[in-house]
PDB file of N, CA and C in Angstrom:
ATOM      1  N   MET A   1       0.855  -1.148   0.000  1.00  0.00           N
ATOM      2  CA  MET A   1       0.000   0.000   0.000  1.00  0.00           C
ATOM      3  C   MET A   1       0.910   1.221   0.000  1.00  0.00           C
ATOM      4  N   SER A   2       0.743   2.115  -0.919  1.00  0.00           N
ATOM      5  CA  SER A   2       1.587   3.309  -0.952  1.00  0.00           C
ATOM      6  C   SER A   2       0.715   4.552  -0.846  1.00  0.00           C
ATOM      7  N   THR A   3       1.332   5.646  -0.469  1.00  0.00           N
ATOM      8  CA  THR A   3       0.565   6.872  -0.304  1.00  0.00           C
ATOM      9  C   THR A   3       1.005   7.894  -1.328  1.00  0.00           C
ATOM     10  N   SER A   4       0.055   8.715  -1.769  1.00  0.00           N
ATOM     11  CA  SER A   4       0.394   9.756  -2.719  1.00  0.00           C
ATOM     12  C   SER A   4       1.142  10.891  -2.041  1.00  0.00           C
ATOM     13  N   SER A   5       1.005  11.005  -0.723  1.00  0.00           N
ATOM     14  CA  SER A   5       1.719  12.062  -0.019  1.00  0.00           C
ATOM     15  C   SER A   5       3.158  11.652   0.289  1.00  0.00           C
ATOM     16  N   ARG A   6       3.516  10.494  -0.154  1.00  0.00           N
ATOM     17  CA  ARG A   6       4.858   9.962   0.013  1.00  0.00           C
ATOM     18  C   ARG A   6       5.252   9.845   1.481  1.00  0.00           C
ATOM     19  N   SER A   7       4.264   9.551   2.307  1.00  0.00           N
ATOM     20  CA  SER A   7       4.515   9.321   3.720  1.00  0.00           C
ATOM     21  C   SER A   7       4.964   7.880   3.885  1.00  0.00           C
ATOM     22  N   THR A   8       6.016   7.700   4.603  1.00  0.00           N
ATOM     23  CA  THR A   8       6.524   6.356   4.819  1.00  0.00           C
ATOM     24  C   THR A   8       7.000   6.202   6.250  1.00  0.00           C
ATOM     25  N   LEU A   9       7.169   5.008   6.640  1.00  0.00           N
ATOM     26  CA  LEU A   9       7.742   4.636   7.923  1.00  0.00           C
ATOM     27  C   LEU A   9       7.117   5.301   9.129  1.00  0.00           C
ATOM     28  N   ARG A  10       7.135   4.612  10.183  1.00  0.00           N
ATOM     29  CA  ARG A  10       6.707   5.107  11.483  1.00  0.00           C
ATOM     30  C   ARG A  10       7.590   4.416  12.491  1.00  0.00           C
ATOM     31  N   ARG A  11       7.997   5.155  13.469  1.00  0.00           N
ATOM     32  CA  ARG A  11       8.751   4.552  14.545  1.00  0.00           C
ATOM     33  C   ARG A  11       8.051   4.936  15.832  1.00  0.00           C
ATOM     34  N   SER A  12       8.015   4.012  16.745  1.00  0.00           N
ATOM     35  CA  SER A  12       7.451   4.387  18.036  1.00  0.00           C
ATOM     36  C   SER A  12       8.507   4.112  19.085  1.00  0.00           C
ATOM     37  N   ARG A  13       8.471   4.941  20.100  1.00  0.00           N
ATOM     38  CA  ARG A  13       9.395   4.687  21.189  1.00  0.00           C
ATOM     39  C   ARG A  13       8.620   4.924  22.464  1.00  0.00           C
ATOM     40  N   GLU A  14       8.781   4.011  23.374  1.00  0.00           N
ATOM     41  CA  GLU A  14       8.078   4.082  24.638  1.00  0.00           C
ATOM     42  C   GLU A  14       8.925   4.870  25.626  1.00  0.00           C
ATOM     43  N   SER A  15       8.343   5.873  26.249  1.00  0.00           N
ATOM     44  CA  SER A  15       8.990   6.588  27.331  1.00  0.00           C
ATOM     45  C   SER A  15       7.934   6.760  28.407  1.00  0.00           C
ATOM     46  N   ASN A  16       8.058   6.000  29.448  1.00  0.00           N
ATOM     47  CA  ASN A  16       7.033   5.896  30.481  1.00  0.00           C
ATOM     48  C   ASN A  16       5.766   5.354  29.826  1.00  0.00           C
ATOM     49  N   THR A  17       4.688   6.118  29.786  1.00  0.00           N
ATOM     50  CA  THR A  17       3.450   5.629  29.178  1.00  0.00           C
ATOM     51  C   THR A  17       3.173   6.314  27.844  1.00  0.00           C
ATOM     52  N   GLU A  18       4.095   7.120  27.356  1.00  0.00           N
ATOM     53  CA  GLU A  18       3.883   7.895  26.131  1.00  0.00           C
ATOM     54  C   GLU A  18       4.482   7.172  24.926  1.00  0.00           C
ATOM     55  N   THR A  19       3.711   7.102  23.862  1.00  0.00           N
ATOM     56  CA  THR A  19       4.210   6.548  22.614  1.00  0.00           C
ATOM     57  C   THR A  19       4.278   7.670  21.599  1.00  0.00           C
ATOM     58  N   ILE A  20       5.412   7.814  20.954  1.00  0.00           N
ATOM     59  CA  ILE A  20       5.583   8.832  19.924  1.00  0.00           C
ATOM     60  C   ILE A  20       5.591   8.131  18.571  1.00  0.00           C
ATOM     61  N   ILE A  21       4.708   8.570  17.688  1.00  0.00           N
ATOM     62  CA  ILE A  21       4.622   8.034  16.335  1.00  0.00           C
ATOM     63  C   ILE A  21       5.313   9.035  15.417  1.00  0.00           C
ATOM     64  N   GLU A  22       6.198   8.543  14.570  1.00  0.00           N
ATOM     65  CA  GLU A  22       6.894   9.406  13.619  1.00  0.00           C
ATOM     66  C   GLU A  22       6.443   9.086  12.203  1.00  0.00           C
ATOM     67  N   GLU A  23       6.066  10.128  11.491  1.00  0.00           N
ATOM     68  CA  GLU A  23       5.696  10.016  10.077  1.00  0.00           C
ATOM     69  C   GLU A  23       6.851  10.593   9.269  1.00  0.00           C
ATOM     70  N   HIS A  24       7.427   9.793   8.402  1.00  0.00           N
ATOM     71  CA  HIS A  24       8.539  10.238   7.560  1.00  0.00           C
ATOM     72  C   HIS A  24       8.000  10.553   6.176  1.00  0.00           C
ATOM     73  N   ILE A  25       8.155  11.802   5.774  1.00  0.00           N
ATOM     74  CA  ILE A  25       7.658  12.250   4.472  1.00  0.00           C
ATOM     75  C   ILE A  25       8.860  12.531   3.583  1.00  0.00           C
ATOM     76  N   VAL A  26       8.950  11.803   2.477  1.00  0.00           N
ATOM     77  CA  VAL A  26      10.048  11.986   1.539  1.00  0.00           C
ATOM     78  C   VAL A  26       9.596  12.959   0.460  1.00  0.00           C
ATOM     79  N   LYS A  27      10.261  14.104   0.410  1.00  0.00           N
ATOM     80  CA  LYS A  27       9.938  15.128  -0.577  1.00  0.00           C
ATOM     81  C   LYS A  27      10.544  14.753  -1.924  1.00  0.00           C
ATOM     82  N   PRO A  28      10.065  15.362  -3.025  1.00  0.00           N
ATOM     83  CA  PRO A  28      10.588  15.030  -4.358  1.00  0.00           C
ATOM     84  C   PRO A  28      12.108  15.208  -4.492  1.00  0.00           C
ATOM     85  N   ASN A  29      12.688  16.140  -3.723  1.00  0.00           N
ATOM     86  CA  ASN A  29      14.140  16.353  -3.805  1.00  0.00           C
ATOM     87  C   ASN A  29      14.916  15.374  -2.935  1.00  0.00           C
ATOM     88  N   GLY A  30      14.215  14.445  -2.290  1.00  0.00           N
ATOM     89  CA  GLY A  30      14.870  13.438  -1.466  1.00  0.00           C
ATOM     90  C   GLY A  30      14.980  13.813   0.005  1.00  0.00           C
ATOM     91  N   GLU A  31      14.677  15.056   0.323  1.00  0.00           N
ATOM     92  CA  GLU A  31      14.721  15.507   1.714  1.00  0.00           C
ATOM     93  C   GLU A  31      13.619  14.812   2.509  1.00  0.00           C
ATOM     94  N   VAL A  32      13.922  14.456   3.756  1.00  0.00           N
ATOM     95  CA  VAL A  32      12.951  13.780   4.602  1.00  0.00           C
ATOM     96  C   VAL A  32      12.458  14.734   5.681  1.00  0.00           C
ATOM     97  N   GLN A  33      11.154  14.884   5.756  1.00  0.00           N
ATOM     98  CA  GLN A  33      10.527  15.684   6.798  1.00  0.00           C
ATOM     99  C   GLN A  33       9.897  14.704   7.785  1.00  0.00           C
ATOM    100  N   ILE A  34      10.063  14.969   9.078  1.00  0.00           N
ATOM    101  CA  ILE A  34       9.500  14.091  10.098  1.00  0.00           C
ATOM    102  C   ILE A  34       8.428  14.845  10.869  1.00  0.00           C
ATOM    103  N   ARG A  35       7.239  14.245  10.929  1.00  0.00           N
ATOM    104  CA  ARG A  35       6.156  14.760  11.758  1.00  0.00           C
ATOM    105  C   ARG A  35       5.993  13.793  12.921  1.00  0.00           C
ATOM    106  N   ARG A  36       5.860  14.349  14.103  1.00  0.00           N
ATOM    107  CA  ARG A  36       5.720  13.519  15.292  1.00  0.00           C
ATOM    108  C   ARG A  36       4.356  13.733  15.932  1.00  0.00           C
ATOM    109  N   TYR A  37       3.826  12.625  16.458  1.00  0.00           N
ATOM    110  CA  TYR A  37       2.532  12.641  17.133  1.00  0.00           C
ATOM    111  C   TYR A  37       2.654  11.862  18.438  1.00  0.00           C
ATOM    112  N   ASN A  38       2.021  12.372  19.491  1.00  0.00           N
ATOM    113  CA  ASN A  38       1.891  11.608  20.725  1.00  0.00           C
ATOM    114  C   ASN A  38       0.633  10.768  20.592  1.00  0.00           C
ATOM    115  N   LYS A  39       0.774   9.476  20.793  1.00  0.00           N
ATOM    116  CA  LYS A  39      -0.385   8.586  20.780  1.00  0.00           C
ATOM    117  C   LYS A  39      -1.010   8.658  22.175  1.00  0.00           C
ATOM    118  N   GLY A  40      -2.235   9.176  22.214  1.00  0.00           N
ATOM    119  CA  GLY A  40      -2.912   9.389  23.486  1.00  0.00           C
ATOM    120  C   GLY A  40      -3.900   8.295  23.819  1.00  0.00           C
ATOM    121  N   LYS A  41      -4.981   8.712  24.435  1.00  0.00           N
ATOM    122  CA  LYS A  41      -5.928   7.728  24.965  1.00  0.00           C
ATOM    123  C   LYS A  41      -6.675   6.984  23.865  1.00  0.00           C
ATOM    124  N   PHE A  42      -7.047   5.782  24.198  1.00  0.00           N
ATOM    125  CA  PHE A  42      -7.839   4.921  23.334  1.00  0.00           C
ATOM    126  C   PHE A  42      -9.249   5.480  23.266  1.00  0.00           C
ATOM    127  N   ILE A  43      -9.773   5.634  22.040  1.00  0.00           N
ATOM    128  CA  ILE A  43     -11.122   6.187  21.851  1.00  0.00           C
ATOM    129  C   ILE A  43     -12.144   5.075  21.635  1.00  0.00           C
ATOM    130  N   GLY A  44     -11.779   4.091  20.823  1.00  0.00           N
ATOM    131  CA  GLY A  44     -12.715   3.006  20.535  1.00  0.00           C
ATOM    132  C   GLY A  44     -12.190   2.117  19.427  1.00  0.00           C
ATOM    133  N   LYS A  45     -12.978   1.123  19.067  1.00  0.00           N
ATOM    134  CA  LYS A  45     -12.571   0.229  17.988  1.00  0.00           C
ATOM    135  C   LYS A  45     -13.754  -0.103  17.107  1.00  0.00           C
ATOM    136  N   GLY A  46     -13.417  -0.458  15.881  1.00  0.00           N
ATOM    137  CA  GLY A  46     -14.436  -0.819  14.906  1.00  0.00           C
ATOM    138  C   GLY A  46     -14.141  -2.186  14.341  1.00  0.00           C
ATOM    139  N   GLY A  47     -14.641  -2.429  13.145  1.00  0.00           N
ATOM    140  CA  GLY A  47     -14.479  -3.728  12.511  1.00  0.00           C
ATOM    141  C   GLY A  47     -13.037  -4.118  12.241  1.00  0.00           C
ATOM    142  N   PHE A  48     -12.204  -3.166  11.843  1.00  0.00           N
ATOM    143  CA  PHE A  48     -10.815  -3.503  11.543  1.00  0.00           C
ATOM    144  C   PHE A  48      -9.817  -2.444  12.005  1.00  0.00           C
ATOM    145  N   ALA A  49     -10.250  -1.517  12.853  1.00  0.00           N
ATOM    146  CA  ALA A  49      -9.346  -0.455  13.305  1.00  0.00           C
ATOM    147  C   ALA A  49      -9.571  -0.144  14.779  1.00  0.00           C
ATOM    148  N   ARG A  50      -8.537   0.430  15.384  1.00  0.00           N
ATOM    149  CA  ARG A  50      -8.608   0.962  16.741  1.00  0.00           C
ATOM    150  C   ARG A  50      -8.357   2.460  16.635  1.00  0.00           C
ATOM    151  N   CYS A  51      -9.084   3.260  17.388  1.00  0.00           N
ATOM    152  CA  CYS A  51      -8.949   4.716  17.310  1.00  0.00           C
ATOM    153  C   CYS A  51      -8.316   5.270  18.580  1.00  0.00           C
ATOM    154  N   TYR A  52      -7.394   6.213  18.369  1.00  0.00           N
ATOM    155  CA  TYR A  52      -6.674   6.856  19.460  1.00  0.00           C
ATOM    156  C   TYR A  52      -6.633   8.358  19.218  1.00  0.00           C
ATOM    157  N   GLU A  53      -6.415   9.115  20.279  1.00  0.00           N
ATOM    158  CA  GLU A  53      -6.116  10.529  20.139  1.00  0.00           C
ATOM    159  C   GLU A  53      -4.648  10.645  19.752  1.00  0.00           C
ATOM    160  N   PHE A  54      -4.349  11.458  18.739  1.00  0.00           N
ATOM    161  CA  PHE A  54      -2.973  11.758  18.338  1.00  0.00           C
ATOM    162  C   PHE A  54      -2.786  13.265  18.476  1.00  0.00           C
ATOM    163  N   LEU A  55      -1.759  13.677  19.185  1.00  0.00           N
ATOM    164  CA  LEU A  55      -1.430  15.092  19.338  1.00  0.00           C
ATOM    165  C   LEU A  55      -0.234  15.408  18.458  1.00  0.00           C
ATOM    166  N   SER A  56      -0.420  16.334  17.522  1.00  0.00           N
ATOM    167  CA  SER A  56       0.658  16.734  16.612  1.00  0.00           C
ATOM    168  C   SER A  56       1.667  17.601  17.348  1.00  0.00           C
ATOM    169  N   HIS A  57       2.942  17.269  17.222  1.00  0.00           N
ATOM    170  CA  HIS A  57       3.997  18.099  17.808  1.00  0.00           C
ATOM    171  C   HIS A  57       4.141  19.399  17.019  1.00  0.00           C
ATOM    172  N   ASP A  58       3.819  19.383  15.720  1.00  0.00           N
ATOM    173  CA  ASP A  58       3.982  20.562  14.866  1.00  0.00           C
ATOM    174  C   ASP A  58       3.009  21.683  15.218  1.00  0.00           C
ATOM    175  N   ASN A  59       1.714  21.358  15.280  1.00  0.00           N
ATOM    176  CA  ASN A  59       0.707  22.402  15.461  1.00  0.00           C
ATOM    177  C   ASN A  59      -0.119  22.253  16.740  1.00  0.00           C
ATOM    178  N   ARG A  60       0.222  21.252  17.569  1.00  0.00           N
ATOM    179  CA  ARG A  60      -0.468  20.984  18.840  1.00  0.00           C
ATOM    180  C   ARG A  60      -1.945  20.650  18.636  1.00  0.00           C
ATOM    181  N   LYS A  61      -2.315  20.255  17.434  1.00  0.00           N
ATOM    182  CA  LYS A  61      -3.693  19.893  17.122  1.00  0.00           C
ATOM    183  C   LYS A  61      -3.925  18.429  17.492  1.00  0.00           C
ATOM    184  N   ILE A  62      -5.123  18.150  18.009  1.00  0.00           N
ATOM    185  CA  ILE A  62      -5.482  16.776  18.359  1.00  0.00           C
ATOM    186  C   ILE A  62      -6.305  16.186  17.218  1.00  0.00           C
ATOM    187  N   TYR A  63      -5.903  15.005  16.782  1.00  0.00           N
ATOM    188  CA  TYR A  63      -6.603  14.272  15.733  1.00  0.00           C
ATOM    189  C   TYR A  63      -7.163  12.982  16.307  1.00  0.00           C
ATOM    190  N   ALA A  64      -8.174  12.438  15.643  1.00  0.00           N
ATOM    191  CA  ALA A  64      -8.614  11.075  15.907  1.00  0.00           C
ATOM    192  C   ALA A  64      -7.879  10.222  14.873  1.00  0.00           C
ATOM    193  N   ALA A  65      -7.115   9.257  15.346  1.00  0.00           N
ATOM    194  CA  ALA A  65      -6.331   8.424  14.430  1.00  0.00           C
ATOM    195  C   ALA A  65      -6.895   7.013  14.401  1.00  0.00           C
ATOM    196  N   LYS A  66      -7.282   6.578  13.207  1.00  0.00           N
ATOM    197  CA  LYS A  66      -7.679   5.184  13.018  1.00  0.00           C
ATOM    198  C   LYS A  66      -6.403   4.414  12.715  1.00  0.00           C
ATOM    199  N   VAL A  67      -6.117   3.430  13.519  1.00  0.00           N
ATOM    200  CA  VAL A  67      -4.905   2.635  13.354  1.00  0.00           C
ATOM    201  C   VAL A  67      -5.318   1.233  12.927  1.00  0.00           C
ATOM    202  N   VAL A  68      -4.887   0.851  11.722  1.00  0.00           N
ATOM    203  CA  VAL A  68      -5.215  -0.461  11.172  1.00  0.00           C
ATOM    204  C   VAL A  68      -3.928  -1.277  11.114  1.00  0.00           C
ATOM    205  N   ALA A  69      -3.905  -2.389  11.831  1.00  0.00           N
ATOM    206  CA  ALA A  69      -2.742  -3.276  11.802  1.00  0.00           C
ATOM    207  C   ALA A  69      -2.673  -3.958  10.442  1.00  0.00           C
ATOM    208  N   LYS A  70      -1.500  -3.916   9.827  1.00  0.00           N
ATOM    209  CA  LYS A  70      -1.356  -4.543   8.510  1.00  0.00           C
ATOM    210  C   LYS A  70      -1.545  -6.053   8.587  1.00  0.00           C
ATOM    211  N   SER A  71      -1.337  -6.614   9.759  1.00  0.00           N
ATOM    212  CA  SER A  71      -1.536  -8.063   9.924  1.00  0.00           C
ATOM    213  C   SER A  71      -2.999  -8.449   9.709  1.00  0.00           C
ATOM    214  N   THR A  72      -3.920  -7.481   9.839  1.00  0.00           N
ATOM    215  CA  THR A  72      -5.340  -7.756   9.599  1.00  0.00           C
ATOM    216  C   THR A  72      -5.705  -7.587   8.131  1.00  0.00           C
ATOM    217  N   LEU A  73      -4.747  -7.160   7.317  1.00  0.00           N
ATOM    218  CA  LEU A  73      -5.007  -6.905   5.895  1.00  0.00           C
ATOM    219  C   LEU A  73      -4.406  -7.995   5.010  1.00  0.00           C
ATOM    220  N   THR A  74      -4.466  -9.229   5.463  1.00  0.00           N
ATOM    221  CA  THR A  74      -3.852 -10.324   4.711  1.00  0.00           C
ATOM    222  C   THR A  74      -4.662 -10.705   3.474  1.00  0.00           C
ATOM    223  N   ARG A  75      -5.960 -10.513   3.528  1.00  0.00           N
ATOM    224  CA  ARG A  75      -6.808 -10.826   2.369  1.00  0.00           C
ATOM    225  C   ARG A  75      -6.944  -9.594   1.487  1.00  0.00           C
ATOM    226  N   SER A  76      -6.971  -9.797   0.186  1.00  0.00           N
ATOM    227  CA  SER A  76      -7.059  -8.667  -0.738  1.00  0.00           C
ATOM    228  C   SER A  76      -8.362  -7.901  -0.547  1.00  0.00           C
ATOM    229  N   ARG A  77      -9.411  -8.566  -0.112  1.00  0.00           N
ATOM    230  CA  ARG A  77     -10.700  -7.890   0.141  1.00  0.00           C
ATOM    231  C   ARG A  77     -10.551  -6.862   1.264  1.00  0.00           C
ATOM    232  N   ALA A  78      -9.811  -7.195   2.302  1.00  0.00           N
ATOM    233  CA  ALA A  78      -9.604  -6.275   3.422  1.00  0.00           C
ATOM    234  C   ALA A  78      -8.780  -5.070   2.980  1.00  0.00           C
ATOM    235  N   LYS A  79      -7.760  -5.301   2.186  1.00  0.00           N
ATOM    236  CA  LYS A  79      -6.940  -4.199   1.657  1.00  0.00           C
ATOM    237  C   LYS A  79      -7.778  -3.287   0.778  1.00  0.00           C
ATOM    238  N   GLN A  80      -8.600  -3.877  -0.068  1.00  0.00           N
ATOM    239  CA  GLN A  80      -9.454  -3.107  -0.963  1.00  0.00           C
ATOM    240  C   GLN A  80     -10.468  -2.288  -0.182  1.00  0.00           C
ATOM    241  N   LYS A  81     -11.011  -2.860   0.875  1.00  0.00           N
ATOM    242  CA  LYS A  81     -11.983  -2.149   1.718  1.00  0.00           C
ATOM    243  C   LYS A  81     -11.336  -0.918   2.357  1.00  0.00           C
ATOM    244  N   LEU A  82     -10.116  -1.063   2.857  1.00  0.00           N
ATOM    245  CA  LEU A  82      -9.407   0.061   3.459  1.00  0.00           C
ATOM    246  C   LEU A  82      -9.099   1.135   2.420  1.00  0.00           C
ATOM    247  N   MET A  83      -8.606   0.741   1.263  1.00  0.00           N
ATOM    248  CA  MET A  83      -8.284   1.714   0.215  1.00  0.00           C
ATOM    249  C   MET A  83      -9.549   2.441  -0.263  1.00  0.00           C
ATOM    250  N   SER A  84     -10.670   1.732  -0.333  1.00  0.00           N
ATOM    251  CA  SER A  84     -11.935   2.370  -0.716  1.00  0.00           C
ATOM    252  C   SER A  84     -12.367   3.383   0.337  1.00  0.00           C
ATOM    253  N   GLU A  85     -12.220   3.029   1.609  1.00  0.00           N
ATOM    254  CA  GLU A  85     -12.577   3.958   2.679  1.00  0.00           C
ATOM    255  C   GLU A  85     -11.737   5.230   2.590  1.00  0.00           C
ATOM    256  N   ILE A  86     -10.438   5.077   2.364  1.00  0.00           N
ATOM    257  CA  ILE A  86      -9.553   6.240   2.252  1.00  0.00           C
ATOM    258  C   ILE A  86      -9.940   7.089   1.044  1.00  0.00           C
ATOM    259  N   LYS A  87     -10.173   6.444  -0.086  1.00  0.00           N
ATOM    260  CA  LYS A  87     -10.526   7.166  -1.311  1.00  0.00           C
ATOM    261  C   LYS A  87     -11.832   7.947  -1.144  1.00  0.00           C
ATOM    262  N   ILE A  88     -12.832   7.322  -0.560  1.00  0.00           N
ATOM    263  CA  ILE A  88     -14.118   7.986  -0.363  1.00  0.00           C
ATOM    264  C   ILE A  88     -13.985   9.122   0.645  1.00  0.00           C
ATOM    265  N   HIS A  89     -13.322   8.833   1.758  1.00  0.00           N
ATOM    266  CA  HIS A  89     -13.207   9.821   2.831  1.00  0.00           C
ATOM    267  C   HIS A  89     -12.447  11.072   2.385  1.00  0.00           C
ATOM    268  N   ARG A  90     -11.383  10.880   1.616  1.00  0.00           N
ATOM    269  CA  ARG A  90     -10.601  12.050   1.182  1.00  0.00           C
ATOM    270  C   ARG A  90     -11.344  12.877   0.144  1.00  0.00           C
ATOM    271  N   SER A  91     -12.344  12.302  -0.513  1.00  0.00           N
ATOM    272  CA  SER A  91     -13.091  13.052  -1.529  1.00  0.00           C
ATOM    273  C   SER A  91     -14.261  13.835  -0.931  1.00  0.00           C
ATOM    274  N   LEU A  92     -14.613  13.575   0.336  1.00  0.00           N
ATOM    275  CA  LEU A  92     -15.761  14.229   0.957  1.00  0.00           C
ATOM    276  C   LEU A  92     -15.372  15.533   1.633  1.00  0.00           C
ATOM    277  N   SER A  93     -16.241  16.499   1.537  1.00  0.00           N
ATOM    278  CA  SER A  93     -16.060  17.767   2.237  1.00  0.00           C
ATOM    279  C   SER A  93     -17.441  18.309   2.576  1.00  0.00           C
ATOM    280  N   HIS A  94     -17.854  18.106   3.831  1.00  0.00           N
ATOM    281  CA  HIS A  94     -19.179  18.525   4.264  1.00  0.00           C
ATOM    282  C   HIS A  94     -19.128  18.801   5.763  1.00  0.00           C
ATOM    283  N   THR A  95     -19.884  19.779   6.208  1.00  0.00           N
ATOM    284  CA  THR A  95     -19.864  20.154   7.632  1.00  0.00           C
ATOM    285  C   THR A  95     -20.351  19.038   8.546  1.00  0.00           C
ATOM    286  N   ASN A  96     -21.151  18.116   8.036  1.00  0.00           N
ATOM    287  CA  ASN A  96     -21.679  17.020   8.855  1.00  0.00           C
ATOM    288  C   ASN A  96     -20.912  15.718   8.704  1.00  0.00           C
ATOM    289  N   VAL A  97     -19.751  15.770   8.055  1.00  0.00           N
ATOM    290  CA  VAL A  97     -18.912  14.585   7.878  1.00  0.00           C
ATOM    291  C   VAL A  97     -17.545  14.880   8.497  1.00  0.00           C
ATOM    292  N   VAL A  98     -17.043  13.935   9.269  1.00  0.00           N
ATOM    293  CA  VAL A  98     -15.723  14.088   9.896  1.00  0.00           C
ATOM    294  C   VAL A  98     -14.694  14.346   8.805  1.00  0.00           C
ATOM    295  N   LYS A  99     -13.851  15.366   9.027  1.00  0.00           N
ATOM    296  CA  LYS A  99     -12.854  15.748   8.030  1.00  0.00           C
ATOM    297  C   LYS A  99     -11.682  14.762   8.013  1.00  0.00           C
ATOM    298  N   PHE A 100     -11.313  14.339   6.824  1.00  0.00           N
ATOM    299  CA  PHE A 100     -10.154  13.478   6.616  1.00  0.00           C
ATOM    300  C   PHE A 100      -8.936  14.375   6.447  1.00  0.00           C
ATOM    301  N   GLU A 101      -7.909  14.193   7.257  1.00  0.00           N
ATOM    302  CA  GLU A 101      -6.688  14.991   7.147  1.00  0.00           C
ATOM    303  C   GLU A 101      -5.720  14.348   6.151  1.00  0.00           C
ATOM    304  N   HIS A 102      -5.197  13.193   6.494  1.00  0.00           N
ATOM    305  CA  HIS A 102      -4.347  12.423   5.582  1.00  0.00           C
ATOM    306  C   HIS A 102      -4.073  11.058   6.196  1.00  0.00           C
ATOM    307  N   PHE A 103      -3.346  10.229   5.461  1.00  0.00           N
ATOM    308  CA  PHE A 103      -2.980   8.931   6.011  1.00  0.00           C
ATOM    309  C   PHE A 103      -1.511   8.663   5.724  1.00  0.00           C
ATOM    310  N   PHE A 104      -0.942   7.777   6.511  1.00  0.00           N
ATOM    311  CA  PHE A 104       0.420   7.315   6.282  1.00  0.00           C
ATOM    312  C   PHE A 104       0.535   5.895   6.824  1.00  0.00           C
ATOM    313  N   GLU A 105       1.633   5.270   6.548  1.00  0.00           N
ATOM    314  CA  GLU A 105       1.806   3.885   6.963  1.00  0.00           C
ATOM    315  C   GLU A 105       3.244   3.610   7.330  1.00  0.00           C
ATOM    316  N   ASP A 106       3.438   2.485   7.989  1.00  0.00           N
ATOM    317  CA  ASP A 106       4.762   1.962   8.263  1.00  0.00           C
ATOM    318  C   ASP A 106       4.712   0.461   8.010  1.00  0.00           C
ATOM    319  N   SER A 107       5.678  -0.253   8.479  1.00  0.00           N
ATOM    320  CA  SER A 107       5.704  -1.694   8.217  1.00  0.00           C
ATOM    321  C   SER A 107       4.630  -2.447   9.003  1.00  0.00           C
ATOM    322  N   ASP A 108       4.101  -1.851  10.066  1.00  0.00           N
ATOM    323  CA  ASP A 108       3.136  -2.540  10.919  1.00  0.00           C
ATOM    324  C   ASP A 108       1.693  -2.062  10.777  1.00  0.00           C
ATOM    325  N   ASN A 109       1.503  -0.744  10.541  1.00  0.00           N
ATOM    326  CA  ASN A 109       0.170  -0.153  10.591  1.00  0.00           C
ATOM    327  C   ASN A 109      -0.084   0.841   9.471  1.00  0.00           C
ATOM    328  N   VAL A 110      -1.376   1.111   9.253  1.00  0.00           N
ATOM    329  CA  VAL A 110      -1.832   2.216   8.418  1.00  0.00           C
ATOM    330  C   VAL A 110      -2.538   3.172   9.370  1.00  0.00           C
ATOM    331  N   TYR A 111      -2.228   4.465   9.255  1.00  0.00           N
ATOM    332  CA  TYR A 111      -2.782   5.492  10.141  1.00  0.00           C
ATOM    333  C   TYR A 111      -3.632   6.447   9.317  1.00  0.00           C
ATOM    334  N   MET A 112      -4.885   6.635   9.721  1.00  0.00           N
ATOM    335  CA  MET A 112      -5.760   7.622   9.099  1.00  0.00           C
ATOM    336  C   MET A 112      -6.012   8.707  10.125  1.00  0.00           C
ATOM    337  N   LEU A 113      -5.567   9.931   9.814  1.00  0.00           N
ATOM    338  CA  LEU A 113      -5.784  11.054  10.718  1.00  0.00           C
ATOM    339  C   LEU A 113      -7.074  11.776  10.325  1.00  0.00           C
ATOM    340  N   LEU A 114      -7.974  11.877  11.291  1.00  0.00           N
ATOM    341  CA  LEU A 114      -9.291  12.465  11.077  1.00  0.00           C
ATOM    342  C   LEU A 114      -9.518  13.591  12.067  1.00  0.00           C
ATOM    343  N   GLU A 115     -10.455  14.456  11.738  1.00  0.00           N
ATOM    344  CA  GLU A 115     -10.872  15.519  12.638  1.00  0.00           C
ATOM    345  C   GLU A 115     -11.356  14.889  13.955  1.00  0.00           C
ATOM    346  N   MET A 116     -10.961  15.491  15.080  1.00  0.00           N
ATOM    347  CA  MET A 116     -11.427  15.017  16.378  1.00  0.00           C
ATOM    348  C   MET A 116     -12.768  15.675  16.678  1.00  0.00           C
ATOM    349  N   CYS A 117     -13.768  14.862  16.940  1.00  0.00           N
ATOM    350  CA  CYS A 117     -15.094  15.365  17.295  1.00  0.00           C
ATOM    351  C   CYS A 117     -15.302  15.137  18.788  1.00  0.00           C
ATOM    352  N   THR A 118     -15.637  16.206  19.487  1.00  0.00           N
ATOM    353  CA  THR A 118     -15.864  16.090  20.923  1.00  0.00           C
ATOM    354  C   THR A 118     -17.343  16.222  21.223  1.00  0.00           C
ATOM    355  N   ASN A 119     -17.753  15.677  22.349  1.00  0.00           N
ATOM    356  CA  ASN A 119     -19.160  15.747  22.762  1.00  0.00           C
ATOM    357  C   ASN A 119     -19.469  17.073  23.380  1.00  0.00           C
TER     358      ASN A 119
END
């Protein structure tokens, strides 16, 4: 699975109870930009994803991150379902639909960053 934003790799490192997720973005000139997120509290789970709060180190914005383990994407139908969800979600723009920010992946997971909706 590849991304058009050229986001690759993620590294996590445990420090006490905090997990830092790193998104490596390879620019066309070969330069690598790193975005870091703190993986926060567990929000919930669905059919094939677990959702967590992600805090961006760059802009201090909180996102809802859908984390899909690649180990659950062994069947081509599951991969296709995820790619369809990403394609549909990124094409939508409506005040009553959660905003899709972007997605990236590493060797273990696919991350979908979405607008955080609070009660």
